Amino acid sequence: MHDVLDPRDLIPDEAEQLAISGYPAKTIEMEARAAAHSGDLPRLKDAVAQLGKLTRAPDWGYDEPDDDESLTELIAGLPAIKFDQAQLPDRLRGAWLGRVVGNTLGKPVEGLSRSELEIYLRASNQWPQTGYLPLLSPLPTGVSQLHPSAPVATAGKFEDVPRDDDIDWTILGLFLLEKHGRDLTTGQIAAQWLDRVPFTQTYTAERAAYRNLIHGFTAPDTATENNPYREWIGALIRGDAFGYANPGNLGEAARLALVDARLSHTANGIYGEMWAAALVSASFATDKAEIALEAALEVVPERSRLAEALRSVIDLYNSGETHSAALDWVDSTLGDYPWVHTINNAALISIGLLWGGRPSWVR
């Protein structure tokens, strides 16, 4: 569950975060997970001390700033892209429908592995998926469980879109812009979290930041204090509202996303929200996913792991590789990342957008 109040989750997860970020923490992570499993709190405390002594490997080949000055300079002066004003209402409606419908299409099977997902879709006669998924009972062999929301998020089980945190953040983002406008501050965002978002409806990095707010921390410390989920996908999920409000203006969309992301995330976690906001913004000005993806890369630090992964996916597409080969690349290259990390999920989003437009994508 990644409980932000439980050291049995926080300490092994922090070791994992360091291990995938260039620190020699893999052995400590394994020891910490064993200690967590047995409830050995003194061993976990010792793991914290060991983690505090680590230094990043000298051959770490990335440059991943997360200070405001560097990121603001990166996006300053990005030219706006012209878009058809007459099409904007329909495109906005399509963006929102795509958000809520797409979220619901995948909600029942969230957390399944790639192989489990294929088993469930084939058993549902939806390979490839063409609609809301049925609730199969019994579950097909090879699938042990569905997401807890499945009883209210499968075909015939709902009349209105089921509530989901992914959609909550979009609605809150639009509310924040309506209330505070373009001068929105991270402090104002924090205040609205506390006023309008129940703690138990937040997860991982957002819940850690929420806990930190209650304990009196302010941004950017809310993102770093005891928060091993600071580069996970939570901020990326929050970025689309800033793209809706800034069609064709990638720099402004990314700037507002930065203001939002620094409450709970660092480095690639921040870049993920900036990229998502810029990608939505660019999508109002083109019908081609590859053009929007290339444009959105401009707001991601060039020597970051996120930029490397996104460029790799685009290269695979341009070289004529299949959808399956691209997914295999994610599994083999980014397989050490948690399944809800920003980097692998941004790569998967890119794959869906690029190959989704090819008639032969199911290969």
Protein backbone atom coordinates (compact mmCIF):
# COMPACT_ATOMS: atom_id res chain seq x y z
CA MET A 1 0.00 0.00 0.00
CA HIS A 2 3.03 2.34 0.32
CA ASP A 3 1.74 3.72 3.62
CA VAL A 4 3.37 7.11 4.23
CA LEU A 5 2.82 6.64 7.97
CA ASP A 6 4.57 3.27 8.17
CA PRO A 7 8.38 2.94 8.23
CA ARG A 8 8.00 -0.63 6.94
CA ASP A 9 6.97 0.93 3.63
CA LEU A 10 8.82 4.23 3.67
CA ILE A 11 12.32 2.93 4.36
CA PRO A 12 12.50 0.13 1.74
CA ASP A 13 10.82 2.44 -0.78
CA GLU A 14 13.38 5.17 -0.09
CA ALA A 15 16.16 2.63 -0.66
CA GLU A 16 14.54 1.71 -3.97
CA GLN A 17 14.26 5.37 -4.97
CA LEU A 18 17.96 5.86 -4.32
CA ALA A 19 18.93 2.62 -6.07
CA ILE A 20 17.27 3.69 -9.34
CA SER A 21 18.77 7.17 -9.04
CA GLY A 22 22.44 6.25 -9.10
CA TYR A 23 23.11 5.34 -5.49
CA PRO A 24 24.51 1.94 -4.38
CA ALA A 25 21.40 1.12 -2.37
CA LYS A 26 20.15 -2.17 -3.82
CA THR A 27 21.59 -4.36 -1.06
CA ILE A 28 20.22 -2.03 1.61
CA GLU A 29 16.83 -2.15 -0.10
CA MET A 30 16.76 -5.96 0.02
CA GLU A 31 17.79 -5.92 3.70
CA ALA A 32 15.19 -3.28 4.50
CA ARG A 33 12.41 -5.23 2.77
CA ALA A 34 13.36 -8.34 4.73
CA ALA A 35 13.32 -6.32 7.96
CA ALA A 36 9.97 -4.79 7.06
CA HIS A 37 8.50 -8.23 6.37
CA SER A 38 9.60 -9.48 9.80
CA GLY A 39 8.69 -6.24 11.57
CA ASP A 40 12.27 -5.67 12.71
CA LEU A 41 12.18 -1.93 13.39
CA PRO A 42 15.75 -1.69 14.76
CA ARG A 43 17.07 -3.16 11.49
CA LEU A 44 14.98 -0.64 9.56
CA LYS A 45 16.43 2.17 11.65
CA ASP A 46 19.89 0.88 10.81
CA ALA A 47 18.98 0.91 7.12
CA VAL A 48 18.08 4.60 7.39
CA ALA A 49 21.51 5.32 8.81
CA GLN A 50 23.17 3.40 5.97
CA LEU A 51 21.15 5.24 3.33
CA GLY A 52 22.20 8.56 4.80
CA LYS A 53 25.85 7.76 4.16
CA LEU A 54 25.49 6.93 0.48
CA THR A 55 26.85 9.08 -2.32
CA ARG A 56 25.82 8.93 -5.95
CA ALA A 57 28.00 6.84 -8.27
CA PRO A 58 30.72 8.99 -9.87
CA ASP A 59 29.84 7.70 -13.35
CA TRP A 60 26.19 8.83 -13.07
CA GLY A 61 25.58 10.26 -16.49
CA TYR A 62 22.53 12.46 -15.95
CA ASP A 63 21.90 16.07 -15.01
CA GLU A 64 18.50 16.45 -13.36
CA PRO A 65 18.00 19.89 -11.79
CA ASP A 66 14.81 20.64 -9.90
CA ASP A 67 15.43 24.18 -8.70
CA ASP A 68 13.01 26.84 -9.89
CA GLU A 69 15.71 28.94 -11.55
CA SER A 70 16.96 26.14 -13.82
CA LEU A 71 13.52 24.92 -14.81
CA THR A 72 12.10 28.39 -15.34
CA GLU A 73 15.06 29.24 -17.57
CA LEU A 74 14.46 26.05 -19.56
CA ILE A 75 10.91 26.99 -20.51
CA ALA A 76 11.34 30.76 -20.76
CA GLY A 77 10.81 32.10 -24.24
CA LEU A 78 9.26 28.99 -25.75
CA PRO A 79 7.23 30.24 -28.70
CA ALA A 80 3.51 29.63 -28.74
CA ILE A 81 2.13 27.38 -31.47
CA LYS A 82 -0.76 28.65 -33.58
CA PHE A 83 -4.01 26.72 -33.30
CA ASP A 84 -7.47 27.00 -34.81
CA GLN A 85 -9.61 28.97 -32.34
CA ALA A 86 -12.78 27.71 -34.01
CA GLN A 87 -11.86 24.12 -33.17
CA LEU A 88 -11.02 24.83 -29.53
CA PRO A 89 -14.46 24.06 -27.98
CA ASP A 90 -14.68 20.68 -29.68
CA ARG A 91 -11.07 19.85 -28.86
CA LEU A 92 -11.54 20.78 -25.20
CA ARG A 93 -14.64 18.63 -25.03
CA GLY A 94 -12.74 15.77 -26.66
CA ALA A 95 -9.84 16.19 -24.24
CA TRP A 96 -12.14 15.97 -21.22
CA LEU A 97 -14.09 13.02 -22.60
CA GLY A 98 -10.84 11.28 -23.43
CA ARG A 99 -9.65 11.87 -19.88
CA VAL A 100 -12.68 10.46 -18.10
CA VAL A 101 -13.49 7.67 -20.57
CA GLY A 102 -9.87 6.57 -20.93
CA ASN A 103 -9.45 6.53 -17.17
CA THR A 104 -12.54 4.35 -16.76
CA LEU A 105 -11.49 1.96 -19.54
CA GLY A 106 -8.38 1.05 -17.58
CA LYS A 107 -9.55 1.51 -13.99
CA PRO A 108 -10.68 -2.10 -13.32
CA VAL A 109 -7.33 -3.55 -14.43
CA GLU A 110 -5.01 -0.98 -12.87
CA GLY A 111 -2.02 -2.75 -11.37
CA LEU A 112 -2.13 -5.84 -13.56
CA SER A 113 1.09 -6.84 -15.26
CA ARG A 114 1.36 -6.74 -19.02
CA SER A 115 0.82 -10.50 -19.28
CA GLU A 116 -2.13 -10.45 -16.86
CA LEU A 117 -3.72 -7.63 -18.81
CA GLU A 118 -3.50 -9.60 -22.05
CA ILE A 119 -5.06 -12.63 -20.38
CA TYR A 120 -7.97 -10.56 -19.07
CA LEU A 121 -8.56 -8.73 -22.34
CA ARG A 122 -8.51 -11.94 -24.38
CA ALA A 123 -10.91 -13.57 -21.94
CA SER A 124 -13.16 -10.51 -22.34
CA ASN A 125 -13.01 -10.76 -26.15
CA GLN A 126 -11.37 -7.33 -26.14
CA TRP A 127 -7.92 -7.86 -27.62
CA PRO A 128 -7.43 -5.08 -28.56
CA GLN A 129 -9.70 -3.28 -26.11
CA THR A 130 -12.72 -1.66 -27.73
CA GLY A 131 -14.92 -0.68 -24.79
CA TYR A 132 -15.50 -0.82 -21.06
CA LEU A 133 -14.38 -4.11 -19.61
CA PRO A 134 -16.80 -6.69 -18.24
CA LEU A 135 -16.46 -7.99 -14.71
CA LEU A 136 -15.47 -11.61 -15.25
CA SER A 137 -16.33 -14.17 -12.60
CA PRO A 138 -14.49 -16.34 -12.03
CA LEU A 139 -11.33 -14.55 -13.03
CA PRO A 140 -9.41 -16.17 -15.88
CA THR A 141 -6.48 -18.38 -14.94
CA GLY A 142 -3.40 -16.24 -14.57
CA VAL A 143 -5.22 -13.21 -13.11
CA SER A 144 -5.39 -13.30 -9.32
CA GLN A 145 -7.33 -10.09 -8.67
CA LEU A 146 -8.63 -6.88 -10.21
CA HIS A 147 -8.42 -3.34 -8.91
CA PRO A 148 -10.76 -2.83 -5.89
CA SER A 149 -12.83 -0.42 -8.00
CA ALA A 150 -13.79 -3.14 -10.51
CA PRO A 151 -17.29 -3.76 -9.06
CA VAL A 152 -18.23 -0.14 -9.81
CA ALA A 153 -16.00 0.55 -12.84
CA THR A 154 -16.83 -2.27 -15.24
CA ALA A 155 -19.36 -2.44 -18.05
CA GLY A 156 -22.95 -2.19 -16.81
CA LYS A 157 -21.88 -1.35 -13.25
CA PHE A 158 -22.05 2.45 -13.46
CA GLU A 159 -24.17 5.22 -14.94
CA ASP A 160 -21.78 8.11 -14.35
CA VAL A 161 -18.00 8.05 -14.53
CA PRO A 162 -16.70 6.49 -11.30
CA ARG A 163 -14.73 8.79 -9.03
CA ASP A 164 -10.96 8.44 -9.36
CA ASP A 165 -8.02 10.41 -8.01
CA ASP A 166 -6.73 10.94 -11.56
CA ILE A 167 -9.91 12.87 -12.37
CA ASP A 168 -10.02 14.59 -8.96
CA TRP A 169 -6.73 16.35 -9.73
CA THR A 170 -7.94 17.62 -13.10
CA ILE A 171 -11.06 19.12 -11.51
CA LEU A 172 -8.99 20.65 -8.70
CA GLY A 173 -6.52 22.09 -11.21
CA LEU A 174 -9.30 23.83 -13.09
CA PHE A 175 -10.75 25.13 -9.83
CA LEU A 176 -7.35 26.52 -8.81
CA LEU A 177 -7.05 28.40 -12.09
CA GLU A 178 -10.58 29.78 -11.77
CA LYS A 179 -9.94 30.93 -8.21
CA HIS A 180 -6.38 32.25 -8.45
CA GLY A 181 -5.66 32.74 -12.16
CA ARG A 182 -2.20 32.71 -13.66
CA ASP A 183 -0.61 34.10 -10.50
CA LEU A 184 -1.36 30.80 -8.77
CA THR A 185 1.22 29.93 -6.09
CA THR A 186 2.30 26.63 -4.60
CA GLY A 187 1.10 27.86 -1.21
CA GLN A 188 -2.39 28.44 -2.59
CA ILE A 189 -2.39 24.96 -4.06
CA ALA A 190 -1.37 23.52 -0.69
CA ALA A 191 -4.21 25.36 1.04
CA GLN A 192 -6.78 23.97 -1.39
CA TRP A 193 -5.44 20.44 -0.94
CA LEU A 194 -6.10 20.72 2.77
CA ASP A 195 -9.52 22.30 2.28
CA ARG A 196 -10.88 20.16 -0.55
CA VAL A 197 -9.02 16.84 -0.82
CA PRO A 198 -9.54 14.11 1.82
CA PHE A 199 -6.23 12.69 3.03
CA THR A 200 -7.40 9.14 2.37
CA GLN A 201 -8.11 9.97 -1.28
CA THR A 202 -4.46 10.84 -1.90
CA TYR A 203 -1.72 8.31 -2.60
CA THR A 204 2.06 7.95 -2.43
CA ALA A 205 3.79 11.31 -3.11
CA GLU A 206 0.62 13.35 -2.67
CA ARG A 207 -0.17 11.67 0.62
CA ALA A 208 3.39 12.20 1.83
CA ALA A 209 3.24 15.88 0.90
CA TYR A 210 -0.18 16.18 2.58
CA ARG A 211 1.25 14.63 5.75
CA ASN A 212 4.14 17.07 5.59
CA LEU A 213 1.76 20.03 5.24
CA ILE A 214 -0.06 18.94 8.37
CA HIS A 215 3.27 18.80 10.18
CA GLY A 216 4.04 22.39 9.21
CA PHE A 217 6.35 21.93 6.23
CA THR A 218 6.14 24.21 3.20
CA ALA A 219 7.23 23.62 -0.38
CA PRO A 220 9.70 22.49 -1.57
CA ASP A 221 10.38 20.62 1.71
CA THR A 222 6.93 19.02 1.43
CA ALA A 223 8.28 17.11 -1.56
CA THR A 224 11.47 15.82 0.05
CA GLU A 225 10.71 15.14 3.69
CA ASN A 226 10.27 11.39 4.11
CA ASN A 227 8.84 11.07 0.61
CA PRO A 228 10.31 8.19 -1.40
CA TYR A 229 7.61 8.66 -4.05
CA ARG A 230 8.90 12.05 -5.19
CA GLU A 231 9.58 10.86 -8.74
CA TRP A 232 6.47 8.74 -9.16
CA ILE A 233 3.60 9.50 -11.52
CA GLY A 234 1.37 11.57 -9.20
CA ALA A 235 2.43 14.98 -10.50
CA LEU A 236 2.19 13.88 -14.14
CA ILE A 237 -1.43 12.93 -13.47
CA ARG A 238 -2.13 16.50 -12.30
CA GLY A 239 -0.79 18.29 -15.37
CA ASP A 240 -3.55 18.17 -17.97
CA ALA A 241 -5.62 21.07 -16.56
CA PHE A 242 -2.74 23.45 -17.18
CA GLY A 243 -2.57 22.25 -20.77
CA TYR A 244 -6.31 22.78 -21.26
CA ALA A 245 -5.97 26.38 -20.07
CA ASN A 246 -3.02 27.12 -22.34
CA PRO A 247 -3.69 25.74 -25.82
CA GLY A 248 -0.59 26.12 -27.97
CA ASN A 249 1.32 27.89 -25.17
CA LEU A 250 3.62 25.10 -23.98
CA GLY A 251 5.84 27.34 -21.87
CA GLU A 252 2.98 28.74 -19.81
CA ALA A 253 1.41 25.30 -19.39
CA ALA A 254 4.74 23.95 -18.15
CA ARG A 255 5.29 26.92 -15.84
CA LEU A 256 1.99 26.38 -14.06
CA ALA A 257 2.71 22.65 -13.88
CA LEU A 258 6.03 23.45 -12.19
CA VAL A 259 4.23 25.59 -9.61
CA ASP A 260 1.97 22.63 -8.88
CA ALA A 261 4.52 19.80 -9.04
CA ARG A 262 7.05 21.21 -6.60
CA LEU A 263 4.56 20.71 -3.76
CA SER A 264 5.05 16.94 -3.90
CA HIS A 265 7.76 15.98 -6.41
CA THR A 266 11.36 16.48 -7.44
CA ALA A 267 13.45 16.01 -10.61
CA ASN A 268 11.77 13.58 -13.04
CA GLY A 269 8.58 13.78 -11.01
CA ILE A 270 8.42 17.52 -11.74
CA TYR A 271 9.47 17.08 -15.37
CA GLY A 272 6.62 14.58 -15.82
CA GLU A 273 3.96 17.15 -14.96
CA MET A 274 5.63 19.84 -17.05
CA TRP A 275 5.80 17.42 -19.99
CA ALA A 276 2.17 16.30 -19.61
CA ALA A 277 0.92 19.88 -19.49
CA ALA A 278 3.01 20.82 -22.51
CA LEU A 279 1.88 17.73 -24.40
CA VAL A 280 -1.79 18.57 -23.87
CA SER A 281 -1.10 22.17 -24.84
CA ALA A 282 0.66 21.11 -28.05
CA SER A 283 -2.15 18.70 -28.92
CA PHE A 284 -4.54 21.61 -29.50
CA ALA A 285 -2.31 22.77 -32.36
CA THR A 286 -1.72 19.52 -34.27
CA ASP A 287 -3.41 16.28 -35.27
CA LYS A 288 -0.14 14.33 -35.21
CA ALA A 289 1.03 12.71 -31.98
CA GLU A 290 4.66 12.70 -33.08
CA ILE A 291 4.63 16.48 -33.55
CA ALA A 292 3.08 17.07 -30.12
CA LEU A 293 5.53 14.69 -28.45
CA GLU A 294 8.54 16.34 -30.10
CA ALA A 295 7.28 19.76 -29.00
CA ALA A 296 6.66 18.65 -25.40
CA LEU A 297 10.24 17.37 -25.12
CA GLU A 298 11.35 21.01 -25.13
CA VAL A 299 10.23 21.43 -21.50
CA VAL A 300 12.19 18.39 -20.22
CA PRO A 301 15.86 18.81 -19.22
CA GLU A 302 17.89 17.34 -22.05
CA ARG A 303 20.22 15.22 -19.90
CA SER A 304 17.51 13.73 -17.68
CA ARG A 305 16.41 10.12 -17.63
CA LEU A 306 12.93 11.18 -18.67
CA ALA A 307 14.20 12.93 -21.79
CA GLU A 308 16.34 9.91 -22.63
CA ALA A 309 13.37 7.54 -22.33
CA LEU A 310 11.06 9.76 -24.35
CA ARG A 311 13.62 10.20 -27.13
CA SER A 312 14.19 6.44 -27.21
CA VAL A 313 10.49 5.77 -27.76
CA ILE A 314 10.32 8.32 -30.57
CA ASP A 315 13.40 6.73 -32.15
CA LEU A 316 11.79 3.28 -31.99
CA TYR A 317 8.71 4.64 -33.70
CA ASN A 318 10.67 6.42 -36.41
CA SER A 319 12.71 3.29 -37.09
CA GLY A 320 9.55 1.32 -37.84
CA GLU A 321 9.54 -0.93 -34.78
CA THR A 322 6.27 -2.54 -33.72
CA HIS A 323 4.12 -1.66 -30.75
CA SER A 324 5.12 -4.91 -29.06
CA ALA A 325 8.81 -4.20 -29.59
CA ALA A 326 8.38 -0.81 -27.96
CA LEU A 327 6.67 -2.38 -24.95
CA ASP A 328 9.45 -4.96 -24.78
CA TRP A 329 11.95 -2.11 -24.71
CA VAL A 330 10.18 -0.56 -21.71
CA ASP A 331 10.19 -3.91 -19.90
CA SER A 332 13.88 -4.55 -20.54
CA THR A 333 15.26 -1.03 -20.15
CA LEU A 334 13.00 0.45 -17.48
CA GLY A 335 12.00 -2.75 -15.73
CA ASP A 336 13.71 -1.80 -12.46
CA TYR A 337 11.41 1.16 -11.98
CA PRO A 338 8.25 0.85 -9.84
CA TRP A 339 5.18 0.40 -12.02
CA VAL A 340 3.92 3.87 -11.06
CA HIS A 341 7.15 5.77 -11.70
CA THR A 342 7.10 8.81 -13.98
CA ILE A 343 9.73 7.61 -16.46
CA ASN A 344 8.28 4.26 -17.50
CA ASN A 345 4.72 5.60 -17.51
CA ALA A 346 5.61 8.57 -19.71
CA ALA A 347 7.25 6.11 -22.10
CA LEU A 348 4.07 4.01 -22.14
CA ILE A 349 1.90 7.07 -22.75
CA SER A 350 4.12 7.96 -25.70
CA ILE A 351 3.84 4.43 -27.08
CA GLY A 352 0.06 4.52 -26.84
CA LEU A 353 -0.12 7.85 -28.65
CA LEU A 354 2.34 6.96 -31.40
CA TRP A 355 1.36 3.40 -32.25
CA GLY A 356 -2.31 3.93 -31.47
CA GLY A 357 -2.69 5.70 -34.79
CA ARG A 358 -1.24 2.82 -36.80
CA PRO A 359 -3.76 0.30 -38.17
CA SER A 360 -1.28 -2.51 -37.49
CA TRP A 361 -0.42 -1.51 -33.94
CA VAL A 362 -1.59 -4.80 -32.38
CA ARG A 363 1.46 -6.85 -33.17
